[in-house]
Amino acid sequence: MEKLKHSKTGLVSFWVAFSPIICAILVSIRDIFFPIKTYTKDMRFDIFIMCVMLVIALIGLILGIVAITQKGYKKVLPISSVIISLLILSIPIIMIVKEVSKISKI
């Protein structure tokens, strides 16, 4: 039995899917050390960062699915990147559903 290698697409999908977690940690550290912020400027920046993280997670999901379909390579990293990306993408979806349910109760 031959040893399988990790595909380049699988490696890239894992690191792309993992990068929003690193970004969220860095933003949390920034918020801990600099808790006072002006509302408008920092909120726009935080919303922009969140949107960028979601786009990156979506790219990681697509790359992970592509890497899973490749034959002759290990599937561990692509499967984990799909799981990480789905978890990251589920957070704003849950938040949107909660907000819509609040609006519909009013």
PDB file of N, CA and C in Angstrom:
ATOM      1  N   MET A   1       0.843  -1.186   0.000  1.00  0.00           N
ATOM      2  CA  MET A   1       0.000   0.000   0.000  1.00  0.00           C
ATOM      3  C   MET A   1       0.886   1.246   0.000  1.00  0.00           C
ATOM      4  N   GLU A   2       0.636   2.136  -0.906  1.00  0.00           N
ATOM      5  CA  GLU A   2       1.444   3.346  -1.012  1.00  0.00           C
ATOM      6  C   GLU A   2       0.982   4.399  -0.013  1.00  0.00           C
ATOM      7  N   LYS A   3       1.934   5.216   0.423  1.00  0.00           N
ATOM      8  CA  LYS A   3       1.606   6.287   1.353  1.00  0.00           C
ATOM      9  C   LYS A   3       0.999   7.456   0.589  1.00  0.00           C
ATOM     10  N   LEU A   4      -0.098   7.956   1.113  1.00  0.00           N
ATOM     11  CA  LEU A   4      -0.749   9.104   0.489  1.00  0.00           C
ATOM     12  C   LEU A   4      -0.171  10.392   1.065  1.00  0.00           C
ATOM     13  N   LYS A   5      -0.099  11.402   0.232  1.00  0.00           N
ATOM     14  CA  LYS A   5       0.375  12.723   0.650  1.00  0.00           C
ATOM     15  C   LYS A   5      -0.816  13.658   0.785  1.00  0.00           C
ATOM     16  N   HIS A   6      -0.573  14.766   1.448  1.00  0.00           N
ATOM     17  CA  HIS A   6      -1.570  15.825   1.505  1.00  0.00           C
ATOM     18  C   HIS A   6      -1.505  16.608   0.204  1.00  0.00           C
ATOM     19  N   SER A   7      -2.661  16.912  -0.352  1.00  0.00           N
ATOM     20  CA  SER A   7      -2.675  17.716  -1.575  1.00  0.00           C
ATOM     21  C   SER A   7      -2.415  19.179  -1.223  1.00  0.00           C
ATOM     22  N   LYS A   8      -1.906  19.916  -2.185  1.00  0.00           N
ATOM     23  CA  LYS A   8      -1.678  21.350  -1.976  1.00  0.00           C
ATOM     24  C   LYS A   8      -2.994  22.070  -1.741  1.00  0.00           C
ATOM     25  N   THR A   9      -4.021  21.640  -2.452  1.00  0.00           N
ATOM     26  CA  THR A   9      -5.341  22.248  -2.263  1.00  0.00           C
ATOM     27  C   THR A   9      -5.858  21.980  -0.851  1.00  0.00           C
ATOM     28  N   GLY A  10      -5.606  20.794  -0.335  1.00  0.00           N
ATOM     29  CA  GLY A  10      -6.024  20.467   1.023  1.00  0.00           C
ATOM     30  C   GLY A  10      -5.309  21.297   2.062  1.00  0.00           C
ATOM     31  N   LEU A  11      -4.001  21.474   1.880  1.00  0.00           N
ATOM     32  CA  LEU A  11      -3.240  22.316   2.806  1.00  0.00           C
ATOM     33  C   LEU A  11      -3.709  23.764   2.765  1.00  0.00           C
ATOM     34  N   VAL A  12      -3.894  24.279   1.557  1.00  0.00           N
ATOM     35  CA  VAL A  12      -4.344  25.675   1.417  1.00  0.00           C
ATOM     36  C   VAL A  12      -5.737  25.844   2.005  1.00  0.00           C
ATOM     37  N   SER A  13      -6.626  24.882   1.761  1.00  0.00           N
ATOM     38  CA  SER A  13      -7.991  24.994   2.288  1.00  0.00           C
ATOM     39  C   SER A  13      -7.986  24.994   3.807  1.00  0.00           C
ATOM     40  N   PHE A  14      -7.112  24.194   4.407  1.00  0.00           N
ATOM     41  CA  PHE A  14      -7.044  24.170   5.873  1.00  0.00           C
ATOM     42  C   PHE A  14      -6.570  25.514   6.415  1.00  0.00           C
ATOM     43  N   TRP A  15      -5.507  26.060   5.855  1.00  0.00           N
ATOM     44  CA  TRP A  15      -4.980  27.323   6.365  1.00  0.00           C
ATOM     45  C   TRP A  15      -5.921  28.493   6.073  1.00  0.00           C
ATOM     46  N   VAL A  16      -6.597  28.435   4.946  1.00  0.00           N
ATOM     47  CA  VAL A  16      -7.568  29.500   4.642  1.00  0.00           C
ATOM     48  C   VAL A  16      -8.757  29.406   5.597  1.00  0.00           C
ATOM     49  N   ALA A  17      -9.207  28.188   5.894  1.00  0.00           N
ATOM     50  CA  ALA A  17     -10.332  28.025   6.813  1.00  0.00           C
ATOM     51  C   ALA A  17      -9.938  28.378   8.241  1.00  0.00           C
ATOM     52  N   PHE A  18      -8.685  28.178   8.597  1.00  0.00           N
ATOM     53  CA  PHE A  18      -8.211  28.446   9.950  1.00  0.00           C
ATOM     54  C   PHE A  18      -7.893  29.925  10.181  1.00  0.00           C
ATOM     55  N   SER A  19      -7.651  30.680   9.121  1.00  0.00           N
ATOM     56  CA  SER A  19      -7.248  32.081   9.268  1.00  0.00           C
ATOM     57  C   SER A  19      -8.308  32.976   9.919  1.00  0.00           C
ATOM     58  N   PRO A  20      -9.630  32.785   9.704  1.00  0.00           N
ATOM     59  CA  PRO A  20     -10.582  33.623  10.446  1.00  0.00           C
ATOM     60  C   PRO A  20     -10.529  33.416  11.953  1.00  0.00           C
ATOM     61  N   ILE A  21     -10.161  32.216  12.389  1.00  0.00           N
ATOM     62  CA  ILE A  21     -10.028  31.978  13.825  1.00  0.00           C
ATOM     63  C   ILE A  21      -8.865  32.799  14.375  1.00  0.00           C
ATOM     64  N   ILE A  22      -7.761  32.815  13.659  1.00  0.00           N
ATOM     65  CA  ILE A  22      -6.603  33.621  14.078  1.00  0.00           C
ATOM     66  C   ILE A  22      -6.979  35.101  14.087  1.00  0.00           C
ATOM     67  N   CYS A  23      -7.712  35.534  13.083  1.00  0.00           N
ATOM     68  CA  CYS A  23      -8.146  36.932  13.009  1.00  0.00           C
ATOM     69  C   CYS A  23      -9.076  37.279  14.177  1.00  0.00           C
ATOM     70  N   ALA A  24      -9.982  36.384  14.527  1.00  0.00           N
ATOM     71  CA  ALA A  24     -10.895  36.620  15.644  1.00  0.00           C
ATOM     72  C   ALA A  24     -10.134  36.704  16.962  1.00  0.00           C
ATOM     73  N   ILE A  25      -9.106  35.883  17.113  1.00  0.00           N
ATOM     74  CA  ILE A  25      -8.287  35.937  18.323  1.00  0.00           C
ATOM     75  C   ILE A  25      -7.558  37.279  18.402  1.00  0.00           C
ATOM     76  N   LEU A  26      -7.013  37.735  17.278  1.00  0.00           N
ATOM     77  CA  LEU A  26      -6.310  39.017  17.279  1.00  0.00           C
ATOM     78  C   LEU A  26      -7.259  40.181  17.577  1.00  0.00           C
ATOM     79  N   VAL A  27      -8.470  40.141  17.029  1.00  0.00           N
ATOM     80  CA  VAL A  27      -9.449  41.198  17.309  1.00  0.00           C
ATOM     81  C   VAL A  27      -9.861  41.159  18.777  1.00  0.00           C
ATOM     82  N   SER A  28     -10.001  39.969  19.346  1.00  0.00           N
ATOM     83  CA  SER A  28     -10.353  39.851  20.765  1.00  0.00           C
ATOM     84  C   SER A  28      -9.248  40.405  21.649  1.00  0.00           C
ATOM     85  N   ILE A  29      -7.998  40.115  21.294  1.00  0.00           N
ATOM     86  CA  ILE A  29      -6.875  40.659  22.056  1.00  0.00           C
ATOM     87  C   ILE A  29      -6.861  42.184  21.968  1.00  0.00           C
ATOM     88  N   ARG A  30      -7.146  42.718  20.780  1.00  0.00           N
ATOM     89  CA  ARG A  30      -7.214  44.173  20.622  1.00  0.00           C
ATOM     90  C   ARG A  30      -8.312  44.758  21.502  1.00  0.00           C
ATOM     91  N   ASP A  31      -9.459  44.086  21.557  1.00  0.00           N
ATOM     92  CA  ASP A  31     -10.562  44.586  22.381  1.00  0.00           C
ATOM     93  C   ASP A  31     -10.259  44.502  23.871  1.00  0.00           C
ATOM     94  N   ILE A  32      -9.475  43.513  24.260  1.00  0.00           N
ATOM     95  CA  ILE A  32      -9.098  43.397  25.676  1.00  0.00           C
ATOM     96  C   ILE A  32      -8.152  44.524  26.074  1.00  0.00           C
ATOM     97  N   PHE A  33      -7.172  44.808  25.235  1.00  0.00           N
ATOM     98  CA  PHE A  33      -6.182  45.822  25.588  1.00  0.00           C
ATOM     99  C   PHE A  33      -6.675  47.249  25.343  1.00  0.00           C
ATOM    100  N   PHE A  34      -7.610  47.433  24.416  1.00  0.00           N
ATOM    101  CA  PHE A  34      -8.149  48.760  24.119  1.00  0.00           C
ATOM    102  C   PHE A  34      -9.682  48.709  24.166  1.00  0.00           C
ATOM    103  N   PRO A  35     -10.258  48.628  25.382  1.00  0.00           N
ATOM    104  CA  PRO A  35     -11.699  48.428  25.490  1.00  0.00           C
ATOM    105  C   PRO A  35     -12.550  49.643  25.132  1.00  0.00           C
ATOM    106  N   ILE A  36     -12.029  50.841  25.287  1.00  0.00           N
ATOM    107  CA  ILE A  36     -12.812  52.043  24.998  1.00  0.00           C
ATOM    108  C   ILE A  36     -12.646  52.371  23.525  1.00  0.00           C
ATOM    109  N   LYS A  37     -13.782  52.482  22.831  1.00  0.00           N
ATOM    110  CA  LYS A  37     -13.699  52.813  21.417  1.00  0.00           C
ATOM    111  C   LYS A  37     -14.862  53.708  21.024  1.00  0.00           C
ATOM    112  N   THR A  38     -14.623  54.484  20.013  1.00  0.00           N
ATOM    113  CA  THR A  38     -15.696  55.302  19.492  1.00  0.00           C
ATOM    114  C   THR A  38     -16.600  54.410  18.662  1.00  0.00           C
ATOM    115  N   TYR A  39     -17.876  54.631  18.762  1.00  0.00           N
ATOM    116  CA  TYR A  39     -18.846  53.699  18.199  1.00  0.00           C
ATOM    117  C   TYR A  39     -18.760  53.590  16.677  1.00  0.00           C
ATOM    118  N   THR A  40     -18.843  54.686  15.987  1.00  0.00           N
ATOM    119  CA  THR A  40     -19.003  54.647  14.539  1.00  0.00           C
ATOM    120  C   THR A  40     -17.795  54.082  13.815  1.00  0.00           C
ATOM    121  N   LYS A  41     -16.636  54.629  14.106  1.00  0.00           N
ATOM    122  CA  LYS A  41     -15.439  54.230  13.375  1.00  0.00           C
ATOM    123  C   LYS A  41     -15.082  52.764  13.619  1.00  0.00           C
ATOM    124  N   ASP A  42     -15.026  52.354  14.894  1.00  0.00           N
ATOM    125  CA  ASP A  42     -14.616  50.998  15.217  1.00  0.00           C
ATOM    126  C   ASP A  42     -15.663  49.969  14.833  1.00  0.00           C
ATOM    127  N   MET A  43     -16.926  50.321  14.900  1.00  0.00           N
ATOM    128  CA  MET A  43     -17.968  49.368  14.516  1.00  0.00           C
ATOM    129  C   MET A  43     -17.924  49.102  13.014  1.00  0.00           C
ATOM    130  N   ARG A  44     -17.667  50.127  12.228  1.00  0.00           N
ATOM    131  CA  ARG A  44     -17.534  49.908  10.787  1.00  0.00           C
ATOM    132  C   ARG A  44     -16.363  48.993  10.490  1.00  0.00           C
ATOM    133  N   PHE A  45     -15.260  49.198  11.174  1.00  0.00           N
ATOM    134  CA  PHE A  45     -14.084  48.360  10.972  1.00  0.00           C
ATOM    135  C   PHE A  45     -14.365  46.919  11.406  1.00  0.00           C
ATOM    136  N   ASP A  46     -15.046  46.736  12.543  1.00  0.00           N
ATOM    137  CA  ASP A  46     -15.385  45.391  13.012  1.00  0.00           C
ATOM    138  C   ASP A  46     -16.330  44.683  12.049  1.00  0.00           C
ATOM    139  N   ILE A  47     -17.293  45.406  11.497  1.00  0.00           N
ATOM    140  CA  ILE A  47     -18.207  44.808  10.521  1.00  0.00           C
ATOM    141  C   ILE A  47     -17.458  44.432   9.251  1.00  0.00           C
ATOM    142  N   PHE A  48     -16.533  45.271   8.829  1.00  0.00           N
ATOM    143  CA  PHE A  48     -15.714  44.953   7.658  1.00  0.00           C
ATOM    144  C   PHE A  48     -14.876  43.700   7.903  1.00  0.00           C
ATOM    145  N   ILE A  49     -14.250  43.615   9.080  1.00  0.00           N
ATOM    146  CA  ILE A  49     -13.441  42.443   9.420  1.00  0.00           C
ATOM    147  C   ILE A  49     -14.316  41.189   9.450  1.00  0.00           C
ATOM    148  N   MET A  50     -15.511  41.287   9.998  1.00  0.00           N
ATOM    149  CA  MET A  50     -16.401  40.133  10.048  1.00  0.00           C
ATOM    150  C   MET A  50     -16.790  39.681   8.642  1.00  0.00           C
ATOM    151  N   CYS A  51     -17.079  40.627   7.758  1.00  0.00           N
ATOM    152  CA  CYS A  51     -17.426  40.270   6.381  1.00  0.00           C
ATOM    153  C   CYS A  51     -16.251  39.616   5.661  1.00  0.00           C
ATOM    154  N   VAL A  52     -15.054  40.135   5.880  1.00  0.00           N
ATOM    155  CA  VAL A  52     -13.859  39.537   5.266  1.00  0.00           C
ATOM    156  C   VAL A  52     -13.652  38.124   5.797  1.00  0.00           C
ATOM    157  N   MET A  53     -13.843  37.932   7.099  1.00  0.00           N
ATOM    158  CA  MET A  53     -13.691  36.596   7.675  1.00  0.00           C
ATOM    159  C   MET A  53     -14.706  35.615   7.094  1.00  0.00           C
ATOM    160  N   LEU A  54     -15.918  36.076   6.844  1.00  0.00           N
ATOM    161  CA  LEU A  54     -16.941  35.201   6.267  1.00  0.00           C
ATOM    162  C   LEU A  54     -16.600  34.826   4.830  1.00  0.00           C
ATOM    163  N   VAL A  55     -16.092  35.775   4.072  1.00  0.00           N
ATOM    164  CA  VAL A  55     -15.687  35.480   2.691  1.00  0.00           C
ATOM    165  C   VAL A  55     -14.523  34.486   2.687  1.00  0.00           C
ATOM    166  N   ILE A  56     -13.577  34.679   3.587  1.00  0.00           N
ATOM    167  CA  ILE A  56     -12.443  33.761   3.672  1.00  0.00           C
ATOM    168  C   ILE A  56     -12.916  32.365   4.077  1.00  0.00           C
ATOM    169  N   ALA A  57     -13.865  32.284   5.014  1.00  0.00           N
ATOM    170  CA  ALA A  57     -14.399  30.981   5.415  1.00  0.00           C
ATOM    171  C   ALA A  57     -15.130  30.312   4.260  1.00  0.00           C
ATOM    172  N   LEU A  58     -15.826  31.086   3.461  1.00  0.00           N
ATOM    173  CA  LEU A  58     -16.515  30.534   2.298  1.00  0.00           C
ATOM    174  C   LEU A  58     -15.509  30.011   1.270  1.00  0.00           C
ATOM    175  N   ILE A  59     -14.419  30.733   1.075  1.00  0.00           N
ATOM    176  CA  ILE A  59     -13.361  30.269   0.173  1.00  0.00           C
ATOM    177  C   ILE A  59     -12.740  28.982   0.711  1.00  0.00           C
ATOM    178  N   GLY A  60     -12.514  28.916   2.019  1.00  0.00           N
ATOM    179  CA  GLY A  60     -11.981  27.703   2.630  1.00  0.00           C
ATOM    180  C   GLY A  60     -12.914  26.522   2.472  1.00  0.00           C
ATOM    181  N   LEU A  61     -14.218  26.784   2.555  1.00  0.00           N
ATOM    182  CA  LEU A  61     -15.206  25.719   2.349  1.00  0.00           C
ATOM    183  C   LEU A  61     -15.147  25.188   0.919  1.00  0.00           C
ATOM    184  N   ILE A  62     -15.101  26.086  -0.032  1.00  0.00           N
ATOM    185  CA  ILE A  62     -15.054  25.675  -1.444  1.00  0.00           C
ATOM    186  C   ILE A  62     -13.763  24.916  -1.744  1.00  0.00           C
ATOM    187  N   LEU A  63     -12.633  25.424  -1.255  1.00  0.00           N
ATOM    188  CA  LEU A  63     -11.365  24.731  -1.472  1.00  0.00           C
ATOM    189  C   LEU A  63     -11.353  23.361  -0.794  1.00  0.00           C
ATOM    190  N   GLY A  64     -11.954  23.266   0.383  1.00  0.00           N
ATOM    191  CA  GLY A  64     -12.030  21.982   1.078  1.00  0.00           C
ATOM    192  C   GLY A  64     -12.849  20.969   0.312  1.00  0.00           C
ATOM    193  N   ILE A  65     -13.955  21.401  -0.246  1.00  0.00           N
ATOM    194  CA  ILE A  65     -14.788  20.494  -1.041  1.00  0.00           C
ATOM    195  C   ILE A  65     -14.046  20.043  -2.292  1.00  0.00           C
ATOM    196  N   VAL A  66     -13.332  20.970  -2.927  1.00  0.00           N
ATOM    197  CA  VAL A  66     -12.533  20.610  -4.101  1.00  0.00           C
ATOM    198  C   VAL A  66     -11.452  19.602  -3.716  1.00  0.00           C
ATOM    199  N   ALA A  67     -10.791  19.824  -2.573  1.00  0.00           N
ATOM    200  CA  ALA A  67      -9.712  18.933  -2.149  1.00  0.00           C
ATOM    201  C   ALA A  67     -10.237  17.551  -1.756  1.00  0.00           C
ATOM    202  N   ILE A  68     -11.456  17.494  -1.225  1.00  0.00           N
ATOM    203  CA  ILE A  68     -12.041  16.196  -0.877  1.00  0.00           C
ATOM    204  C   ILE A  68     -12.279  15.357  -2.127  1.00  0.00           C
ATOM    205  N   THR A  69     -12.636  15.998  -3.224  1.00  0.00           N
ATOM    206  CA  THR A  69     -12.944  15.254  -4.444  1.00  0.00           C
ATOM    207  C   THR A  69     -11.704  14.787  -5.197  1.00  0.00           C
ATOM    208  N   GLN A  70     -10.517  15.275  -4.829  1.00  0.00           N
ATOM    209  CA  GLN A  70      -9.293  14.841  -5.498  1.00  0.00           C
ATOM    210  C   GLN A  70      -8.946  13.417  -5.058  1.00  0.00           C
ATOM    211  N   LYS A  71      -8.570  12.598  -6.010  1.00  0.00           N
ATOM    212  CA  LYS A  71      -8.233  11.211  -5.713  1.00  0.00           C
ATOM    213  C   LYS A  71      -6.732  11.066  -5.485  1.00  0.00           C
ATOM    214  N   GLY A  72      -6.362  10.125  -4.622  1.00  0.00           N
ATOM    215  CA  GLY A  72      -4.966   9.820  -4.386  1.00  0.00           C
ATOM    216  C   GLY A  72      -4.291  10.667  -3.328  1.00  0.00           C
ATOM    217  N   TYR A  73      -5.062  11.412  -2.551  1.00  0.00           N
ATOM    218  CA  TYR A  73      -4.506  12.259  -1.498  1.00  0.00           C
ATOM    219  C   TYR A  73      -5.219  11.995  -0.190  1.00  0.00           C
ATOM    220  N   LYS A  74      -4.565  12.381   0.901  1.00  0.00           N
ATOM    221  CA  LYS A  74      -5.198  12.282   2.211  1.00  0.00           C
ATOM    222  C   LYS A  74      -6.382  13.243   2.292  1.00  0.00           C
ATOM    223  N   LYS A  75      -7.365  12.875   3.087  1.00  0.00           N
ATOM    224  CA  LYS A  75      -8.582  13.686   3.193  1.00  0.00           C
ATOM    225  C   LYS A  75      -8.744  14.363   4.553  1.00  0.00           C
ATOM    226  N   VAL A  76      -7.783  14.207   5.459  1.00  0.00           N
ATOM    227  CA  VAL A  76      -7.932  14.730   6.817  1.00  0.00           C
ATOM    228  C   VAL A  76      -8.024  16.250   6.832  1.00  0.00           C
ATOM    229  N   LEU A  77      -7.096  16.931   6.203  1.00  0.00           N
ATOM    230  CA  LEU A  77      -7.097  18.397   6.215  1.00  0.00           C
ATOM    231  C   LEU A  77      -8.292  18.989   5.472  1.00  0.00           C
ATOM    232  N   PRO A  78      -8.668  18.464   4.297  1.00  0.00           N
ATOM    233  CA  PRO A  78      -9.853  19.030   3.643  1.00  0.00           C
ATOM    234  C   PRO A  78     -11.139  18.844   4.444  1.00  0.00           C
ATOM    235  N   ILE A  79     -11.282  17.689   5.088  1.00  0.00           N
ATOM    236  CA  ILE A  79     -12.491  17.462   5.888  1.00  0.00           C
ATOM    237  C   ILE A  79     -12.507  18.405   7.084  1.00  0.00           C
ATOM    238  N   SER A  80     -11.362  18.576   7.737  1.00  0.00           N
ATOM    239  CA  SER A  80     -11.325  19.500   8.873  1.00  0.00           C
ATOM    240  C   SER A  80     -11.541  20.946   8.434  1.00  0.00           C
ATOM    241  N   SER A  81     -11.069  21.305   7.234  1.00  0.00           N
ATOM    242  CA  SER A  81     -11.305  22.671   6.762  1.00  0.00           C
ATOM    243  C   SER A  81     -12.779  22.893   6.440  1.00  0.00           C
ATOM    244  N   VAL A  82     -13.456  21.877   5.925  1.00  0.00           N
ATOM    245  CA  VAL A  82     -14.892  22.006   5.670  1.00  0.00           C
ATOM    246  C   VAL A  82     -15.648  22.167   6.991  1.00  0.00           C
ATOM    247  N   ILE A  83     -15.271  21.398   8.002  1.00  0.00           N
ATOM    248  CA  ILE A  83     -15.937  21.498   9.301  1.00  0.00           C
ATOM    249  C   ILE A  83     -15.693  22.867   9.930  1.00  0.00           C
ATOM    250  N   ILE A  84     -14.446  23.330   9.915  1.00  0.00           N
ATOM    251  CA  ILE A  84     -14.127  24.652  10.480  1.00  0.00           C
ATOM    252  C   ILE A  84     -14.883  25.750   9.737  1.00  0.00           C
ATOM    253  N   SER A  85     -14.899  25.671   8.419  1.00  0.00           N
ATOM    254  CA  SER A  85     -15.588  26.698   7.628  1.00  0.00           C
ATOM    255  C   SER A  85     -17.082  26.698   7.903  1.00  0.00           C
ATOM    256  N   LEU A  86     -17.682  25.519   8.028  1.00  0.00           N
ATOM    257  CA  LEU A  86     -19.114  25.455   8.324  1.00  0.00           C
ATOM    258  C   LEU A  86     -19.426  26.006   9.707  1.00  0.00           C
ATOM    259  N   LEU A  87     -18.551  25.753  10.670  1.00  0.00           N
ATOM    260  CA  LEU A  87     -18.755  26.315  12.003  1.00  0.00           C
ATOM    261  C   LEU A  87     -18.653  27.835  11.980  1.00  0.00           C
ATOM    262  N   ILE A  88     -17.676  28.344  11.257  1.00  0.00           N
ATOM    263  CA  ILE A  88     -17.517  29.800  11.170  1.00  0.00           C
ATOM    264  C   ILE A  88     -18.702  30.424  10.436  1.00  0.00           C
ATOM    265  N   LEU A  89     -19.172  29.774   9.384  1.00  0.00           N
ATOM    266  CA  LEU A  89     -20.304  30.313   8.629  1.00  0.00           C
ATOM    267  C   LEU A  89     -21.626  30.173   9.382  1.00  0.00           C
ATOM    268  N   SER A  90     -21.706  29.234  10.323  1.00  0.00           N
ATOM    269  CA  SER A  90     -22.959  29.046  11.058  1.00  0.00           C
ATOM    270  C   SER A  90     -23.208  30.162  12.071  1.00  0.00           C
ATOM    271  N   ILE A  91     -22.150  30.791  12.556  1.00  0.00           N
ATOM    272  CA  ILE A  91     -22.312  31.839  13.576  1.00  0.00           C
ATOM    273  C   ILE A  91     -23.143  33.016  13.064  1.00  0.00           C
ATOM    274  N   PRO A  92     -22.816  33.628  11.918  1.00  0.00           N
ATOM    275  CA  PRO A  92     -23.655  34.741  11.462  1.00  0.00           C
ATOM    276  C   PRO A  92     -25.055  34.299  11.030  1.00  0.00           C
ATOM    277  N   ILE A  93     -25.172  33.069  10.552  1.00  0.00           N
ATOM    278  CA  ILE A  93     -26.497  32.583  10.169  1.00  0.00           C
ATOM    279  C   ILE A  93     -27.391  32.487  11.402  1.00  0.00           C
ATOM    280  N   ILE A  94     -26.849  31.978  12.509  1.00  0.00           N
ATOM    281  CA  ILE A  94     -27.612  31.906  13.760  1.00  0.00           C
ATOM    282  C   ILE A  94     -27.961  33.308  14.248  1.00  0.00           C
ATOM    283  N   MET A  95     -27.019  34.230  14.149  1.00  0.00           N
ATOM    284  CA  MET A  95     -27.278  35.598  14.586  1.00  0.00           C
ATOM    285  C   MET A  95     -28.372  36.258  13.736  1.00  0.00           C
ATOM    286  N   ILE A  96     -28.356  36.020  12.445  1.00  0.00           N
ATOM    287  CA  ILE A  96     -29.383  36.587  11.561  1.00  0.00           C
ATOM    288  C   ILE A  96     -30.750  36.013  11.896  1.00  0.00           C
ATOM    289  N   VAL A  97     -30.815  34.707  12.130  1.00  0.00           N
ATOM    290  CA  VAL A  97     -32.091  34.074  12.481  1.00  0.00           C
ATOM    291  C   VAL A  97     -32.627  34.628  13.796  1.00  0.00           C
ATOM    292  N   LYS A  98     -31.752  34.836  14.779  1.00  0.00           N
ATOM    293  CA  LYS A  98     -32.182  35.411  16.048  1.00  0.00           C
ATOM    294  C   LYS A  98     -32.717  36.821  15.873  1.00  0.00           C
ATOM    295  N   GLU A  99     -32.054  37.632  15.056  1.00  0.00           N
ATOM    296  CA  GLU A  99     -32.505  39.003  14.836  1.00  0.00           C
ATOM    297  C   GLU A  99     -33.842  39.036  14.092  1.00  0.00           C
ATOM    298  N   VAL A 100     -33.982  38.160  13.117  1.00  0.00           N
ATOM    299  CA  VAL A 100     -35.245  38.118  12.378  1.00  0.00           C
ATOM    300  C   VAL A 100     -36.380  37.672  13.290  1.00  0.00           C
ATOM    301  N   SER A 101     -36.095  36.741  14.188  1.00  0.00           N
ATOM    302  CA  SER A 101     -37.142  36.305  15.099  1.00  0.00           C
ATOM    303  C   SER A 101     -37.511  37.421  16.083  1.00  0.00           C
ATOM    304  N   LYS A 102     -36.548  38.243  16.484  1.00  0.00           N
ATOM    305  CA  LYS A 102     -36.842  39.384  17.344  1.00  0.00           C
ATOM    306  C   LYS A 102     -37.728  40.396  16.619  1.00  0.00           C
ATOM    307  N   ILE A 103     -37.431  40.636  15.357  1.00  0.00           N
ATOM    308  CA  ILE A 103     -38.186  41.598  14.566  1.00  0.00           C
ATOM    309  C   ILE A 103     -39.607  41.100  14.341  1.00  0.00           C
ATOM    310  N   SER A 104     -39.751  39.817  14.097  1.00  0.00           N
ATOM    311  CA  SER A 104     -41.093  39.277  13.820  1.00  0.00           C
ATOM    312  C   SER A 104     -41.976  39.261  15.063  1.00  0.00           C
ATOM    313  N   LYS A 105     -41.374  39.256  16.267  1.00  0.00           N
ATOM    314  CA  LYS A 105     -42.157  39.288  17.510  1.00  0.00           C
ATOM    315  C   LYS A 105     -42.693  40.677  17.801  1.00  0.00           C
ATOM    316  N   ILE A 106     -42.075  41.694  17.210  1.00  0.00           N
ATOM    317  CA  ILE A 106     -42.487  43.076  17.491  1.00  0.00           C
ATOM    318  C   ILE A 106     -43.717  43.408  16.751  1.00  0.00           C
TER     319      ILE A 106
END
